[in-house]
Amino acid sequence: MPVIHPSSYRPPWWVANPHVQMILANQLRFVPPLAYERERIRTPDGDFLDLDWTRVGSRRAAVICHGLEGHSRRPYVIGMARALNKAGWDVCAMNYRGCSGEPNLKPQLYHSGATEDLDTVVRHLLKVHRYEPPALVGFSLGGNLVLKYAGELGSEARGRIRAVAAFSAPCDLTASARAISRPENRLYLKRFLKMLRRKIEAKERLYPDLISSEGYDAIRSFEDFDNRYTAPLHGFRDAWDYYRRASSKPFLERIAVPTLIVNAQDDPFLAPECFPFREAYRNPHVLLEAPQRGSHVGFYESNGDGTIWSERRTVTFLGDE
């Protein structure tokens, strides 16, 4: 059945509030750090991507794609990598351009639909490391990214990727941008814009004739930021053109590999349009699970072994494929 109902996720009673769960899972959860092995690869346009590896000697690999202003050291990435390692997977944690601790070389950074960089990583795993077609696991922005990539590939994905798991995926970016601008989300929005400002100021030092942070304080929404920076730097007409072209939702019907989408109904960042029930019913390869609770990249639980539900759900899903 393309829609899983009901979900097996049941949060502890004390993290039922979505804001409490999001902060706990993303900021307060302690996950022992991993001894990553870093690999730098070149992109076709002359930039670089930093990949952080944790290996167990398997021919199976999973690529983890983080969220907005994330990186390979976020608790949700490390937790997923540990769970996959334990299940017998090598793991490649991808850092997007400018997210590995060092500014990238080109004026462009990353965005929600930049599947060309993900394709570079997948091809590298296949051609250089000789892995089997890898699994893709994405969170938030990374969830949209892996879904769009699988949809773009269509039937060609079968020889390139094994399966896809996406958590808290804003598959309709227009609706998600509006959702995060709601009053109850202003603190999160302010934090994201502050983090993005540091990226813009770093780019300004490298490209002062192209990028300016002057007047940044006037930016009050993702629409403002994307109109000023994301759209012109990446070839979009404006923010709404970017949201339309980078959203994964129109590509879901073309996905041809086993795909799991888990979006919690209490996610503060997701609007109703981000729950693709119709697309899941139409595509037998897509499983949509929409638990009542889970927040944004949350799905926290306390079970004694250090893992959380999203990690166990991914291991089970990939093990079945």
C-alpha atoms as a PDB file:
ATOM      1  CA  MET A   1       0.000   0.000   0.000  1.00  0.00           C
ATOM      2  CA  PRO A   2       1.520   3.344  -1.007  1.00  0.00           C
ATOM      3  CA  VAL A   3       0.412   5.160   2.160  1.00  0.00           C
ATOM      4  CA  ILE A   4       1.397   3.608   5.493  1.00  0.00           C
ATOM      5  CA  HIS A   5      -1.296   4.132   8.097  1.00  0.00           C
ATOM      6  CA  PRO A   6      -1.030   4.168  10.979  1.00  0.00           C
ATOM      7  CA  SER A   7       2.630   4.908  11.533  1.00  0.00           C
ATOM      8  CA  SER A   8       4.584   2.848  14.038  1.00  0.00           C
ATOM      9  CA  TYR A   9       6.109   5.987  15.572  1.00  0.00           C
ATOM     10  CA  ARG A  10       4.877   6.851  19.060  1.00  0.00           C
ATOM     11  CA  PRO A  11       6.775   9.634  20.848  1.00  0.00           C
ATOM     12  CA  PRO A  12       7.389   9.587  24.589  1.00  0.00           C
ATOM     13  CA  TRP A  13       4.696  11.615  26.320  1.00  0.00           C
ATOM     14  CA  TRP A  14       7.206  14.221  27.439  1.00  0.00           C
ATOM     15  CA  VAL A  15       8.228  15.133  23.873  1.00  0.00           C
ATOM     16  CA  ALA A  16       4.735  15.307  22.394  1.00  0.00           C
ATOM     17  CA  ASN A  17       5.132  19.057  21.797  1.00  0.00           C
ATOM     18  CA  PRO A  18       6.673  19.511  18.316  1.00  0.00           C
ATOM     19  CA  HIS A  19       8.913  22.402  19.346  1.00  0.00           C
ATOM     20  CA  VAL A  20      10.265  20.475  22.337  1.00  0.00           C
ATOM     21  CA  GLN A  21      10.911  17.455  20.147  1.00  0.00           C
ATOM     22  CA  MET A  22      12.676  19.437  17.421  1.00  0.00           C
ATOM     23  CA  ILE A  23      15.003  21.154  19.878  1.00  0.00           C
ATOM     24  CA  LEU A  24      15.698  17.930  21.749  1.00  0.00           C
ATOM     25  CA  ALA A  25      16.443  15.846  18.663  1.00  0.00           C
ATOM     26  CA  ASN A  26      18.449  18.478  16.794  1.00  0.00           C
ATOM     27  CA  GLN A  27      20.157  20.510  19.502  1.00  0.00           C
ATOM     28  CA  LEU A  28      20.219  18.617  22.805  1.00  0.00           C
ATOM     29  CA  ARG A  29      20.582  14.997  21.733  1.00  0.00           C
ATOM     30  CA  PHE A  30      24.083  13.724  22.400  1.00  0.00           C
ATOM     31  CA  VAL A  31      25.484  11.362  19.807  1.00  0.00           C
ATOM     32  CA  PRO A  32      29.126  10.263  20.199  1.00  0.00           C
ATOM     33  CA  PRO A  33      31.181  11.770  17.370  1.00  0.00           C
ATOM     34  CA  LEU A  34      32.399   9.620  14.527  1.00  0.00           C
ATOM     35  CA  ALA A  35      35.994   9.388  13.338  1.00  0.00           C
ATOM     36  CA  TYR A  36      35.153  10.419   9.798  1.00  0.00           C
ATOM     37  CA  GLU A  37      37.607   9.966   6.969  1.00  0.00           C
ATOM     38  CA  ARG A  38      37.353  13.000   4.690  1.00  0.00           C
ATOM     39  CA  GLU A  39      37.558  12.773   0.933  1.00  0.00           C
ATOM     40  CA  ARG A  40      37.532  15.810  -1.341  1.00  0.00           C
ATOM     41  CA  ILE A  41      36.248  15.367  -4.859  1.00  0.00           C
ATOM     42  CA  ARG A  42      36.103  17.812  -7.734  1.00  0.00           C
ATOM     43  CA  THR A  43      32.916  18.898  -9.448  1.00  0.00           C
ATOM     44  CA  PRO A  44      32.591  19.256 -13.232  1.00  0.00           C
ATOM     45  CA  ASP A  45      32.497  23.063 -12.901  1.00  0.00           C
ATOM     46  CA  GLY A  46      35.824  23.243 -11.040  1.00  0.00           C
ATOM     47  CA  ASP A  47      34.560  23.408  -7.460  1.00  0.00           C
ATOM     48  CA  PHE A  48      34.866  20.771  -4.741  1.00  0.00           C
ATOM     49  CA  LEU A  49      32.715  18.684  -2.413  1.00  0.00           C
ATOM     50  CA  ASP A  50      33.862  17.260   0.913  1.00  0.00           C
ATOM     51  CA  LEU A  51      32.607  13.773   1.738  1.00  0.00           C
ATOM     52  CA  ASP A  52      32.929  12.338   5.231  1.00  0.00           C
ATOM     53  CA  TRP A  53      33.172   8.560   5.336  1.00  0.00           C
ATOM     54  CA  THR A  54      32.608   5.949   8.007  1.00  0.00           C
ATOM     55  CA  ARG A  55      33.217   2.444   6.668  1.00  0.00           C
ATOM     56  CA  VAL A  56      32.683  -1.106   7.845  1.00  0.00           C
ATOM     57  CA  GLY A  57      34.088  -2.805   4.748  1.00  0.00           C
ATOM     58  CA  SER A  58      30.832  -3.313   2.869  1.00  0.00           C
ATOM     59  CA  ARG A  59      29.996  -3.184  -0.822  1.00  0.00           C
ATOM     60  CA  ARG A  60      26.759  -1.451   0.159  1.00  0.00           C
ATOM     61  CA  ALA A  61      26.898   2.296   0.756  1.00  0.00           C
ATOM     62  CA  ALA A  62      24.437   4.981   1.789  1.00  0.00           C
ATOM     63  CA  VAL A  63      24.764   8.692   1.053  1.00  0.00           C
ATOM     64  CA  ILE A  64      23.343  10.963   3.768  1.00  0.00           C
ATOM     65  CA  CYS A  65      22.188  14.442   2.730  1.00  0.00           C
ATOM     66  CA  HIS A  66      21.780  17.007   5.506  1.00  0.00           C
ATOM     67  CA  GLY A  67      19.349  19.874   5.900  1.00  0.00           C
ATOM     68  CA  LEU A  68      19.599  23.645   5.473  1.00  0.00           C
ATOM     69  CA  GLU A  69      22.844  24.964   6.971  1.00  0.00           C
ATOM     70  CA  GLY A  70      23.672  21.488   8.219  1.00  0.00           C
ATOM     71  CA  HIS A  71      26.764  19.347   7.773  1.00  0.00           C
ATOM     72  CA  SER A  72      28.061  15.865   8.441  1.00  0.00           C
ATOM     73  CA  ARG A  73      28.515  16.520  12.173  1.00  0.00           C
ATOM     74  CA  ARG A  74      24.878  17.205  12.980  1.00  0.00           C
ATOM     75  CA  PRO A  75      23.414  14.743  15.503  1.00  0.00           C
ATOM     76  CA  TYR A  76      20.821  13.454  13.024  1.00  0.00           C
ATOM     77  CA  VAL A  77      23.541  12.695  10.454  1.00  0.00           C
ATOM     78  CA  ILE A  78      25.877  11.014  12.939  1.00  0.00           C
ATOM     79  CA  GLY A  79      23.026   9.039  14.478  1.00  0.00           C
ATOM     80  CA  MET A  80      21.890   7.766  11.074  1.00  0.00           C
ATOM     81  CA  ALA A  81      25.471   6.955  10.054  1.00  0.00           C
ATOM     82  CA  ARG A  82      26.022   4.949  13.237  1.00  0.00           C
ATOM     83  CA  ALA A  83      22.797   3.012  12.753  1.00  0.00           C
ATOM     84  CA  LEU A  84      23.639   2.197   9.143  1.00  0.00           C
ATOM     85  CA  ASN A  85      27.197   1.176  10.027  1.00  0.00           C
ATOM     86  CA  LYS A  86      25.803  -1.173  12.656  1.00  0.00           C
ATOM     87  CA  ALA A  87      23.496  -2.668  10.022  1.00  0.00           C
ATOM     88  CA  GLY A  88      26.435  -3.321   7.683  1.00  0.00           C
ATOM     89  CA  TRP A  89      26.478  -0.233   5.475  1.00  0.00           C
ATOM     90  CA  ASP A  90      29.390   2.000   4.577  1.00  0.00           C
ATOM     91  CA  VAL A  91      28.254   5.616   4.896  1.00  0.00           C
ATOM     92  CA  CYS A  92      29.173   8.723   2.926  1.00  0.00           C
ATOM     93  CA  ALA A  93      27.971  11.904   4.646  1.00  0.00           C
ATOM     94  CA  MET A  94      27.848  14.559   1.939  1.00  0.00           C
ATOM     95  CA  ASN A  95      28.629  18.178   2.809  1.00  0.00           C
ATOM     96  CA  TYR A  96      27.086  20.644   0.380  1.00  0.00           C
ATOM     97  CA  ARG A  97      29.137  23.451  -1.110  1.00  0.00           C
ATOM     98  CA  GLY A  98      30.321  25.736   1.673  1.00  0.00           C
ATOM     99  CA  CYS A  99      29.073  23.420   4.459  1.00  0.00           C
ATOM    100  CA  SER A 100      32.236  21.457   5.270  1.00  0.00           C
ATOM    101  CA  GLY A 101      33.981  24.212   7.247  1.00  0.00           C
ATOM    102  CA  GLU A 102      35.683  25.821   4.272  1.00  0.00           C
ATOM    103  CA  PRO A 103      34.205  28.191   1.662  1.00  0.00           C
ATOM    104  CA  ASN A 104      33.752  26.624  -1.731  1.00  0.00           C
ATOM    105  CA  LEU A 105      35.439  28.111  -4.781  1.00  0.00           C
ATOM    106  CA  LYS A 106      32.526  29.272  -6.920  1.00  0.00           C
ATOM    107  CA  PRO A 107      30.075  32.107  -6.180  1.00  0.00           C
ATOM    108  CA  GLN A 108      27.262  29.552  -6.026  1.00  0.00           C
ATOM    109  CA  LEU A 109      26.533  27.769  -2.767  1.00  0.00           C
ATOM    110  CA  TYR A 110      23.857  25.059  -2.628  1.00  0.00           C
ATOM    111  CA  HIS A 111      20.097  24.972  -2.832  1.00  0.00           C
ATOM    112  CA  SER A 112      17.163  22.626  -2.388  1.00  0.00           C
ATOM    113  CA  GLY A 113      17.207  21.358  -5.968  1.00  0.00           C
ATOM    114  CA  ALA A 114      20.951  21.174  -6.717  1.00  0.00           C
ATOM    115  CA  THR A 115      20.856  17.544  -7.818  1.00  0.00           C
ATOM    116  CA  GLU A 116      23.894  17.923 -10.062  1.00  0.00           C
ATOM    117  CA  ASP A 117      26.176  17.789  -7.022  1.00  0.00           C
ATOM    118  CA  LEU A 118      24.385  14.746  -5.642  1.00  0.00           C
ATOM    119  CA  ASP A 119      24.772  13.086  -9.036  1.00  0.00           C
ATOM    120  CA  THR A 120      28.515  13.808  -8.911  1.00  0.00           C
ATOM    121  CA  VAL A 121      28.722  12.035  -5.546  1.00  0.00           C
ATOM    122  CA  VAL A 122      26.676   9.033  -6.696  1.00  0.00           C
ATOM    123  CA  ARG A 123      28.784   8.610  -9.837  1.00  0.00           C
ATOM    124  CA  HIS A 124      31.939   8.854  -7.720  1.00  0.00           C
ATOM    125  CA  LEU A 125      30.761   6.029  -5.459  1.00  0.00           C
ATOM    126  CA  LEU A 126      29.963   3.846  -8.453  1.00  0.00           C
ATOM    127  CA  LYS A 127      32.990   4.537 -10.644  1.00  0.00           C
ATOM    128  CA  VAL A 128      35.795   5.223  -8.188  1.00  0.00           C
ATOM    129  CA  HIS A 129      34.828   3.180  -5.123  1.00  0.00           C
ATOM    130  CA  ARG A 130      32.994   0.458  -7.053  1.00  0.00           C
ATOM    131  CA  TYR A 131      30.051   0.244  -4.694  1.00  0.00           C
ATOM    132  CA  GLU A 132      26.742  -1.288  -5.576  1.00  0.00           C
ATOM    133  CA  PRO A 133      24.130   1.382  -6.436  1.00  0.00           C
ATOM    134  CA  PRO A 134      23.938   3.361  -3.170  1.00  0.00           C
ATOM    135  CA  ALA A 135      20.948   4.169  -1.014  1.00  0.00           C
ATOM    136  CA  LEU A 136      20.135   7.832  -0.416  1.00  0.00           C
ATOM    137  CA  VAL A 137      18.940   9.214   2.920  1.00  0.00           C
ATOM    138  CA  GLY A 138      17.902  12.857   3.122  1.00  0.00           C
ATOM    139  CA  PHE A 139      16.716  15.166   5.880  1.00  0.00           C
ATOM    140  CA  SER A 140      14.647  18.313   5.327  1.00  0.00           C
ATOM    141  CA  LEU A 141      16.304  20.157   2.408  1.00  0.00           C
ATOM    142  CA  GLY A 142      18.250  16.956   1.805  1.00  0.00           C
ATOM    143  CA  GLY A 143      14.985  15.035   1.720  1.00  0.00           C
ATOM    144  CA  ASN A 144      13.694  17.233  -1.077  1.00  0.00           C
ATOM    145  CA  LEU A 145      17.037  16.843  -2.827  1.00  0.00           C
ATOM    146  CA  VAL A 146      17.104  13.038  -2.860  1.00  0.00           C
ATOM    147  CA  LEU A 147      13.455  12.828  -3.936  1.00  0.00           C
ATOM    148  CA  LYS A 148      13.950  15.264  -6.805  1.00  0.00           C
ATOM    149  CA  TYR A 149      17.074  13.406  -7.913  1.00  0.00           C
ATOM    150  CA  ALA A 150      15.298  10.049  -7.974  1.00  0.00           C
ATOM    151  CA  GLY A 151      12.386  11.571  -9.895  1.00  0.00           C
ATOM    152  CA  GLU A 152      14.663  13.234 -12.423  1.00  0.00           C
ATOM    153  CA  LEU A 153      16.361   9.912 -13.119  1.00  0.00           C
ATOM    154  CA  GLY A 154      13.082   8.060 -13.584  1.00  0.00           C
ATOM    155  CA  SER A 155      13.664   4.521 -14.821  1.00  0.00           C
ATOM    156  CA  GLU A 156      17.394   5.243 -15.245  1.00  0.00           C
ATOM    157  CA  ALA A 157      17.709   5.305 -11.440  1.00  0.00           C
ATOM    158  CA  ARG A 158      17.634   1.508 -11.234  1.00  0.00           C
ATOM    159  CA  GLY A 159      21.270   1.237 -12.267  1.00  0.00           C
ATOM    160  CA  ARG A 160      22.410   4.213 -10.218  1.00  0.00           C
ATOM    161  CA  ILE A 161      20.642   4.169  -6.842  1.00  0.00           C
ATOM    162  CA  ARG A 162      19.155   1.360  -4.785  1.00  0.00           C
ATOM    163  CA  ALA A 163      16.528   3.097  -2.669  1.00  0.00           C
ATOM    164  CA  VAL A 164      15.630   6.468  -1.125  1.00  0.00           C
ATOM    165  CA  ALA A 165      14.518   7.489   2.365  1.00  0.00           C
ATOM    166  CA  ALA A 166      13.458  11.102   3.010  1.00  0.00           C
ATOM    167  CA  PHE A 167      12.515  12.597   6.363  1.00  0.00           C
ATOM    168  CA  SER A 168      10.756  15.942   6.920  1.00  0.00           C
ATOM    169  CA  ALA A 169      10.973  16.723   3.209  1.00  0.00           C
ATOM    170  CA  PRO A 170       9.566  20.114   2.104  1.00  0.00           C
ATOM    171  CA  CYS A 171       8.575  18.695  -1.261  1.00  0.00           C
ATOM    172  CA  ASP A 172       6.509  21.813  -2.042  1.00  0.00           C
ATOM    173  CA  LEU A 173       8.994  24.626  -1.426  1.00  0.00           C
ATOM    174  CA  THR A 174       6.505  27.432  -2.020  1.00  0.00           C
ATOM    175  CA  ALA A 175       4.188  26.120   0.688  1.00  0.00           C
ATOM    176  CA  SER A 176       7.090  25.360   3.022  1.00  0.00           C
ATOM    177  CA  ALA A 177       8.548  28.870   2.654  1.00  0.00           C
ATOM    178  CA  ARG A 178       5.190  30.284   3.683  1.00  0.00           C
ATOM    179  CA  ALA A 179       4.888  27.855   6.595  1.00  0.00           C
ATOM    180  CA  ILE A 180       8.221  28.798   8.128  1.00  0.00           C
ATOM    181  CA  SER A 181       7.214  32.458   7.966  1.00  0.00           C
ATOM    182  CA  ARG A 182       4.282  31.865  10.304  1.00  0.00           C
ATOM    183  CA  PRO A 183       4.590  33.794  13.604  1.00  0.00           C
ATOM    184  CA  GLU A 184       5.212  30.687  15.686  1.00  0.00           C
ATOM    185  CA  ASN A 185       8.278  29.898  13.550  1.00  0.00           C
ATOM    186  CA  ARG A 186       9.917  33.315  13.596  1.00  0.00           C
ATOM    187  CA  LEU A 187      12.678  32.267  16.011  1.00  0.00           C
ATOM    188  CA  TYR A 188      13.688  29.402  13.733  1.00  0.00           C
ATOM    189  CA  LEU A 189      13.572  31.642  10.684  1.00  0.00           C
ATOM    190  CA  LYS A 190      15.693  34.261  12.406  1.00  0.00           C
ATOM    191  CA  ARG A 191      18.281  31.631  13.314  1.00  0.00           C
ATOM    192  CA  PHE A 192      18.457  30.294   9.746  1.00  0.00           C
ATOM    193  CA  LEU A 193      18.855  33.783   8.311  1.00  0.00           C
ATOM    194  CA  LYS A 194      21.641  34.528  10.796  1.00  0.00           C
ATOM    195  CA  MET A 195      23.488  31.383   9.741  1.00  0.00           C
ATOM    196  CA  LEU A 196      23.004  32.179   6.065  1.00  0.00           C
ATOM    197  CA  ARG A 197      24.324  35.674   6.650  1.00  0.00           C
ATOM    198  CA  ARG A 198      27.687  34.230   7.666  1.00  0.00           C
ATOM    199  CA  LYS A 199      27.800  32.349   4.373  1.00  0.00           C
ATOM    200  CA  ILE A 200      26.982  35.469   2.396  1.00  0.00           C
ATOM    201  CA  GLU A 201      29.628  37.522   4.211  1.00  0.00           C
ATOM    202  CA  ALA A 202      32.229  34.834   3.480  1.00  0.00           C
ATOM    203  CA  LYS A 203      31.244  34.904  -0.199  1.00  0.00           C
ATOM    204  CA  GLU A 204      31.370  38.694  -0.191  1.00  0.00           C
ATOM    205  CA  ARG A 205      35.040  38.574   0.824  1.00  0.00           C
ATOM    206  CA  LEU A 206      35.766  36.278  -2.117  1.00  0.00           C
ATOM    207  CA  TYR A 207      33.528  37.973  -4.685  1.00  0.00           C
ATOM    208  CA  PRO A 208      33.057  41.598  -3.576  1.00  0.00           C
ATOM    209  CA  ASP A 209      31.973  42.710  -7.056  1.00  0.00           C
ATOM    210  CA  LEU A 210      29.269  40.067  -7.260  1.00  0.00           C
ATOM    211  CA  ILE A 211      27.923  39.499  -3.745  1.00  0.00           C
ATOM    212  CA  SER A 212      27.108  42.095  -1.101  1.00  0.00           C
ATOM    213  CA  SER A 213      25.739  41.799   2.421  1.00  0.00           C
ATOM    214  CA  GLU A 214      24.800  45.485   2.532  1.00  0.00           C
ATOM    215  CA  GLY A 215      21.210  45.855   3.669  1.00  0.00           C
ATOM    216  CA  TYR A 216      20.990  42.242   4.849  1.00  0.00           C
ATOM    217  CA  ASP A 217      19.070  43.363   7.945  1.00  0.00           C
ATOM    218  CA  ALA A 218      16.110  44.106   5.682  1.00  0.00           C
ATOM    219  CA  ILE A 219      15.745  40.406   4.868  1.00  0.00           C
ATOM    220  CA  ARG A 220      12.833  39.035   6.863  1.00  0.00           C
ATOM    221  CA  SER A 221      11.919  35.789   5.086  1.00  0.00           C
ATOM    222  CA  PHE A 222      13.275  33.013   2.913  1.00  0.00           C
ATOM    223  CA  GLU A 223      11.510  34.690   0.012  1.00  0.00           C
ATOM    224  CA  ASP A 224      13.578  37.827   0.623  1.00  0.00           C
ATOM    225  CA  PHE A 225      16.807  35.834   0.872  1.00  0.00           C
ATOM    226  CA  ASP A 226      16.088  33.692  -2.163  1.00  0.00           C
ATOM    227  CA  ASN A 227      15.072  36.683  -4.281  1.00  0.00           C
ATOM    228  CA  ARG A 228      18.302  38.478  -3.441  1.00  0.00           C
ATOM    229  CA  TYR A 229      20.804  35.597  -3.428  1.00  0.00           C
ATOM    230  CA  THR A 230      19.617  32.093  -4.336  1.00  0.00           C
ATOM    231  CA  ALA A 231      17.731  32.963  -7.508  1.00  0.00           C
ATOM    232  CA  PRO A 232      20.300  35.219  -9.232  1.00  0.00           C
ATOM    233  CA  LEU A 233      23.294  33.100  -8.200  1.00  0.00           C
ATOM    234  CA  HIS A 234      21.750  29.883  -9.501  1.00  0.00           C
ATOM    235  CA  GLY A 235      19.944  30.964 -12.650  1.00  0.00           C
ATOM    236  CA  PHE A 236      16.366  31.323 -11.411  1.00  0.00           C
ATOM    237  CA  ARG A 237      14.123  34.239 -12.321  1.00  0.00           C
ATOM    238  CA  ASP A 238      13.067  34.903  -8.722  1.00  0.00           C
ATOM    239  CA  ALA A 239      12.307  33.066  -5.486  1.00  0.00           C
ATOM    240  CA  TRP A 240       9.023  31.658  -6.745  1.00  0.00           C
ATOM    241  CA  ASP A 241      10.659  30.362  -9.935  1.00  0.00           C
ATOM    242  CA  TYR A 242      13.271  28.702  -7.736  1.00  0.00           C
ATOM    243  CA  TYR A 243      10.652  27.098  -5.487  1.00  0.00           C
ATOM    244  CA  ARG A 244       8.679  25.828  -8.465  1.00  0.00           C
ATOM    245  CA  ARG A 245      11.658  24.344 -10.299  1.00  0.00           C
ATOM    246  CA  ALA A 246      13.475  22.964  -7.242  1.00  0.00           C
ATOM    247  CA  SER A 247      10.483  21.303  -5.542  1.00  0.00           C
ATOM    248  CA  SER A 248      10.524  17.515  -5.630  1.00  0.00           C
ATOM    249  CA  LYS A 249       6.738  17.085  -5.620  1.00  0.00           C
ATOM    250  CA  PRO A 250       6.285  17.290  -9.421  1.00  0.00           C
ATOM    251  CA  PHE A 251       8.935  14.562  -9.821  1.00  0.00           C
ATOM    252  CA  LEU A 252       7.478  12.021  -7.398  1.00  0.00           C
ATOM    253  CA  GLU A 253       5.309  10.266  -9.975  1.00  0.00           C
ATOM    254  CA  ARG A 254       8.440   9.447 -12.019  1.00  0.00           C
ATOM    255  CA  ILE A 255      10.335   7.722  -9.182  1.00  0.00           C
ATOM    256  CA  ALA A 256      11.144   4.128 -10.129  1.00  0.00           C
ATOM    257  CA  VAL A 257      13.119   2.849  -7.109  1.00  0.00           C
ATOM    258  CA  PRO A 258      11.812   1.981  -3.621  1.00  0.00           C
ATOM    259  CA  THR A 259      11.262   5.272  -1.815  1.00  0.00           C
ATOM    260  CA  LEU A 260      10.116   6.101   1.705  1.00  0.00           C
ATOM    261  CA  ILE A 261       8.863   9.577   2.634  1.00  0.00           C
ATOM    262  CA  VAL A 262       8.260  10.265   6.336  1.00  0.00           C
ATOM    263  CA  ASN A 263       6.675  13.648   7.099  1.00  0.00           C
ATOM    264  CA  ALA A 264       5.175  14.234  10.528  1.00  0.00           C
ATOM    265  CA  GLN A 265       1.768  15.891  10.646  1.00  0.00           C
ATOM    266  CA  ASP A 266       2.900  18.215  13.455  1.00  0.00           C
ATOM    267  CA  ASP A 267       6.000  19.412  11.588  1.00  0.00           C
ATOM    268  CA  PRO A 268       6.051  23.216  12.064  1.00  0.00           C
ATOM    269  CA  PHE A 269       7.872  23.736   8.740  1.00  0.00           C
ATOM    270  CA  LEU A 270       5.581  21.684   6.488  1.00  0.00           C
ATOM    271  CA  ALA A 271       2.325  22.886   4.974  1.00  0.00           C
ATOM    272  CA  PRO A 272      -0.458  20.485   3.853  1.00  0.00           C
ATOM    273  CA  GLU A 273       0.937  20.636   0.311  1.00  0.00           C
ATOM    274  CA  CYS A 274       4.077  18.872   1.587  1.00  0.00           C
ATOM    275  CA  PHE A 275       2.174  15.632   2.187  1.00  0.00           C
ATOM    276  CA  PRO A 276       2.043  14.012  -1.278  1.00  0.00           C
ATOM    277  CA  PHE A 277      -0.767  11.521  -0.710  1.00  0.00           C
ATOM    278  CA  ARG A 278      -2.000  11.665  -4.303  1.00  0.00           C
ATOM    279  CA  GLU A 279       1.472  11.093  -5.713  1.00  0.00           C
ATOM    280  CA  ALA A 280       2.068   8.160  -3.372  1.00  0.00           C
ATOM    281  CA  TYR A 281      -1.218   6.506  -4.324  1.00  0.00           C
ATOM    282  CA  ARG A 282      -0.304   6.835  -7.996  1.00  0.00           C
ATOM    283  CA  ASN A 283       3.223   5.451  -7.720  1.00  0.00           C
ATOM    284  CA  PRO A 284       3.736   1.931  -6.316  1.00  0.00           C
ATOM    285  CA  HIS A 285       7.416   2.698  -5.701  1.00  0.00           C
ATOM    286  CA  VAL A 286       6.665   5.502  -3.213  1.00  0.00           C
ATOM    287  CA  LEU A 287       5.681   4.844   0.402  1.00  0.00           C
ATOM    288  CA  LEU A 288       4.372   7.822   2.355  1.00  0.00           C
ATOM    289  CA  GLU A 289       4.294   7.619   6.138  1.00  0.00           C
ATOM    290  CA  ALA A 290       2.762  10.565   7.991  1.00  0.00           C
ATOM    291  CA  PRO A 291       2.893   9.984  11.752  1.00  0.00           C
ATOM    292  CA  GLN A 292       0.780  12.293  13.883  1.00  0.00           C
ATOM    293  CA  ARG A 293       3.886  13.313  15.852  1.00  0.00           C
ATOM    294  CA  GLY A 294       7.571  13.621  15.026  1.00  0.00           C
ATOM    295  CA  SER A 295       8.125  17.335  14.415  1.00  0.00           C
ATOM    296  CA  HIS A 296      10.892  18.395  12.013  1.00  0.00           C
ATOM    297  CA  VAL A 297      13.802  15.941  11.805  1.00  0.00           C
ATOM    298  CA  GLY A 298      12.679  14.733  15.201  1.00  0.00           C
ATOM    299  CA  PHE A 299      11.201  11.245  15.700  1.00  0.00           C
ATOM    300  CA  TYR A 300      12.907  11.084  19.060  1.00  0.00           C
ATOM    301  CA  GLU A 301      12.588   8.161  21.427  1.00  0.00           C
ATOM    302  CA  SER A 302      14.488   6.836  24.402  1.00  0.00           C
ATOM    303  CA  ASN A 303      15.079   3.118  23.967  1.00  0.00           C
ATOM    304  CA  GLY A 304      18.426   2.563  25.677  1.00  0.00           C
ATOM    305  CA  ASP A 305      20.583   1.763  22.655  1.00  0.00           C
ATOM    306  CA  GLY A 306      21.205   5.325  21.473  1.00  0.00           C
ATOM    307  CA  THR A 307      19.182   5.088  18.269  1.00  0.00           C
ATOM    308  CA  ILE A 308      15.917   6.841  17.494  1.00  0.00           C
ATOM    309  CA  TRP A 309      12.901   5.766  15.464  1.00  0.00           C
ATOM    310  CA  SER A 310      13.922   7.401  12.171  1.00  0.00           C
ATOM    311  CA  GLU A 311      17.212   5.502  12.233  1.00  0.00           C
ATOM    312  CA  ARG A 312      15.574   2.155  12.967  1.00  0.00           C
ATOM    313  CA  ARG A 313      12.905   2.867  10.343  1.00  0.00           C
ATOM    314  CA  THR A 314      15.561   3.536   7.710  1.00  0.00           C
ATOM    315  CA  VAL A 315      17.548   0.395   8.521  1.00  0.00           C
ATOM    316  CA  THR A 316      14.392  -1.704   8.304  1.00  0.00           C
ATOM    317  CA  PHE A 317      13.273  -0.098   5.043  1.00  0.00           C
ATOM    318  CA  LEU A 318      16.636  -0.465   3.335  1.00  0.00           C
ATOM    319  CA  GLY A 319      16.990  -4.021   4.616  1.00  0.00           C
ATOM    320  CA  ASP A 320      13.738  -4.938   2.940  1.00  0.00           C
ATOM    321  CA  GLU A 321      14.848  -3.581  -0.441  1.00  0.00           C
END
